[in-house]
Amino acid sequence: MTQYLLSVHHDGSEDFEQMTPEQMQPVFEAVDAFNTELQQTGKWVFAGGLEGIESATTVDNTSGQRLVVDGPFSESKEYLGGFWVVEAADLDEALELAHRGSAACGGRVEVRPFQSE
């Protein structure tokens, strides 16, 4: 089995920040059901939703000097909203999981395998 990162990307056009908890409840329920399915089928490794992009802090020590900046690494309307780490037999299975995860969370999902040893 290979581990894959299924990352949920938002393009800034979604109104998640404007939605009330009642409006978000169907999304929470769909994601919870998908998470439960992943766990029951042994595909689950780890998952998490991220706080809003305004909570990001970027650290840069590439020049040998510590630089800490409030805000995201790049200025973009697109941002990472959450992720799953799953185990799948192959890319086709990972893509099917991403398809179902995208439907559950209402966002686009990028699929990338972890590097092998």
Protein backbone atom coordinates (compact mmCIF):
# COMPACT_ATOMS: atom_id res chain seq x y z
CA MET A 1 0.00 0.00 0.00
CA THR A 2 1.16 3.51 -0.80
CA GLN A 3 0.30 6.56 1.26
CA TYR A 4 -1.23 9.51 -0.55
CA LEU A 5 -1.88 13.08 0.48
CA LEU A 6 -5.37 14.22 -0.49
CA SER A 7 -5.23 17.99 -0.03
CA VAL A 8 -8.34 20.14 -0.12
CA HIS A 9 -7.84 23.43 -1.92
CA HIS A 10 -10.13 26.42 -1.84
CA ASP A 11 -9.94 29.10 -4.50
CA GLY A 12 -11.29 31.93 -2.41
CA SER A 13 -14.58 32.05 -4.31
CA GLU A 14 -16.28 29.71 -1.84
CA ASP A 15 -18.24 31.43 0.85
CA PHE A 16 -17.26 29.05 3.68
CA GLU A 17 -16.25 31.96 5.89
CA GLN A 18 -19.65 33.57 5.40
CA MET A 19 -21.65 30.42 6.15
CA THR A 20 -23.39 29.94 9.47
CA PRO A 21 -22.76 26.80 11.51
CA GLU A 22 -26.21 25.58 10.45
CA GLN A 23 -25.30 26.02 6.78
CA MET A 24 -22.00 24.19 7.30
CA GLN A 25 -23.60 21.27 9.16
CA PRO A 26 -24.29 19.18 5.99
CA VAL A 27 -20.61 19.53 5.00
CA PHE A 28 -19.46 18.51 8.48
CA GLU A 29 -21.75 15.47 8.36
CA ALA A 30 -20.61 14.43 4.88
CA VAL A 31 -16.93 14.73 5.82
CA ASP A 32 -17.53 12.83 9.06
CA ALA A 33 -19.23 10.02 7.11
CA PHE A 34 -16.32 9.91 4.64
CA ASN A 35 -13.79 9.85 7.51
CA THR A 36 -15.70 6.99 9.16
CA GLU A 37 -15.68 5.04 5.89
CA LEU A 38 -11.92 5.55 5.52
CA GLN A 39 -11.36 4.33 9.07
CA GLN A 40 -13.61 1.29 8.70
CA THR A 41 -11.93 0.22 5.44
CA GLY A 42 -8.39 0.64 6.79
CA LYS A 43 -7.54 3.48 4.38
CA TRP A 44 -7.32 6.15 7.10
CA VAL A 45 -3.89 7.31 8.27
CA PHE A 46 -4.54 10.88 9.38
CA ALA A 47 -6.66 13.91 8.45
CA GLY A 48 -7.22 17.44 9.55
CA GLY A 49 -8.90 20.69 8.71
CA LEU A 50 -6.88 23.87 8.94
CA GLU A 51 -7.77 27.19 10.52
CA GLY A 52 -8.27 30.11 8.16
CA ILE A 53 -5.39 31.44 6.11
CA GLU A 54 -5.29 34.57 8.30
CA SER A 55 -3.86 32.37 11.08
CA ALA A 56 -0.79 31.39 9.02
CA THR A 57 2.78 32.27 10.00
CA THR A 58 5.73 31.75 7.65
CA VAL A 59 9.23 30.90 8.93
CA ASP A 60 12.28 31.32 6.68
CA ASN A 61 15.77 30.30 7.75
CA THR A 62 17.16 29.64 4.26
CA SER A 63 19.72 32.45 4.57
CA GLY A 64 20.88 31.42 8.03
CA GLN A 65 18.87 34.19 9.66
CA ARG A 66 15.54 33.56 11.27
CA LEU A 67 12.67 35.44 9.64
CA VAL A 68 9.12 35.04 10.96
CA VAL A 69 6.33 36.71 9.03
CA ASP A 70 2.63 36.83 9.80
CA GLY A 71 0.64 35.43 6.91
CA PRO A 72 0.81 32.70 4.31
CA PHE A 73 3.90 31.68 2.34
CA SER A 74 2.52 33.02 -0.93
CA GLU A 75 0.06 35.73 -1.83
CA SER A 76 -2.71 33.86 -3.55
CA LYS A 77 -6.46 33.61 -3.51
CA GLU A 78 -6.07 29.81 -3.38
CA TYR A 79 -5.23 28.13 -0.10
CA LEU A 80 -5.00 24.75 1.58
CA GLY A 81 -8.05 24.13 3.73
CA GLY A 82 -7.44 20.60 4.98
CA PHE A 83 -6.13 17.19 4.05
CA TRP A 84 -6.32 13.45 4.41
CA VAL A 85 -3.41 11.03 4.45
CA VAL A 86 -4.70 7.69 3.17
CA GLU A 87 -3.36 4.30 2.21
CA ALA A 88 -4.37 3.08 -1.23
CA ALA A 89 -3.35 0.14 -3.38
CA ASP A 90 -2.59 2.40 -6.35
CA LEU A 91 -3.25 5.80 -7.90
CA ASP A 92 -6.62 4.72 -9.26
CA GLU A 93 -7.85 3.87 -5.76
CA ALA A 94 -6.43 7.14 -4.39
CA LEU A 95 -8.25 9.06 -7.13
CA GLU A 96 -11.52 7.34 -6.25
CA LEU A 97 -11.04 8.28 -2.59
CA ALA A 98 -10.31 11.87 -3.64
CA HIS A 99 -13.45 11.88 -5.77
CA ARG A 100 -15.55 10.93 -2.75
CA GLY A 101 -13.66 13.31 -0.45
CA SER A 102 -14.22 16.20 -2.86
CA ALA A 103 -17.94 15.53 -2.91
CA ALA A 104 -18.01 15.38 0.89
CA CYS A 105 -16.11 18.60 1.60
CA GLY A 106 -17.25 20.65 -1.37
CA GLY A 107 -13.71 21.50 -2.46
CA ARG A 108 -11.16 20.43 -5.05
CA VAL A 109 -8.79 17.69 -3.89
CA GLU A 110 -5.21 17.26 -5.11
CA VAL A 111 -3.73 13.74 -4.96
CA ARG A 112 0.00 13.20 -4.41
CA PRO A 113 1.86 10.08 -3.38
CA PHE A 114 4.42 10.24 -0.61
CA GLN A 115 7.99 9.54 -1.69
CA SER A 116 8.97 5.92 -1.41
CA GLU A 117 12.07 4.93 0.53
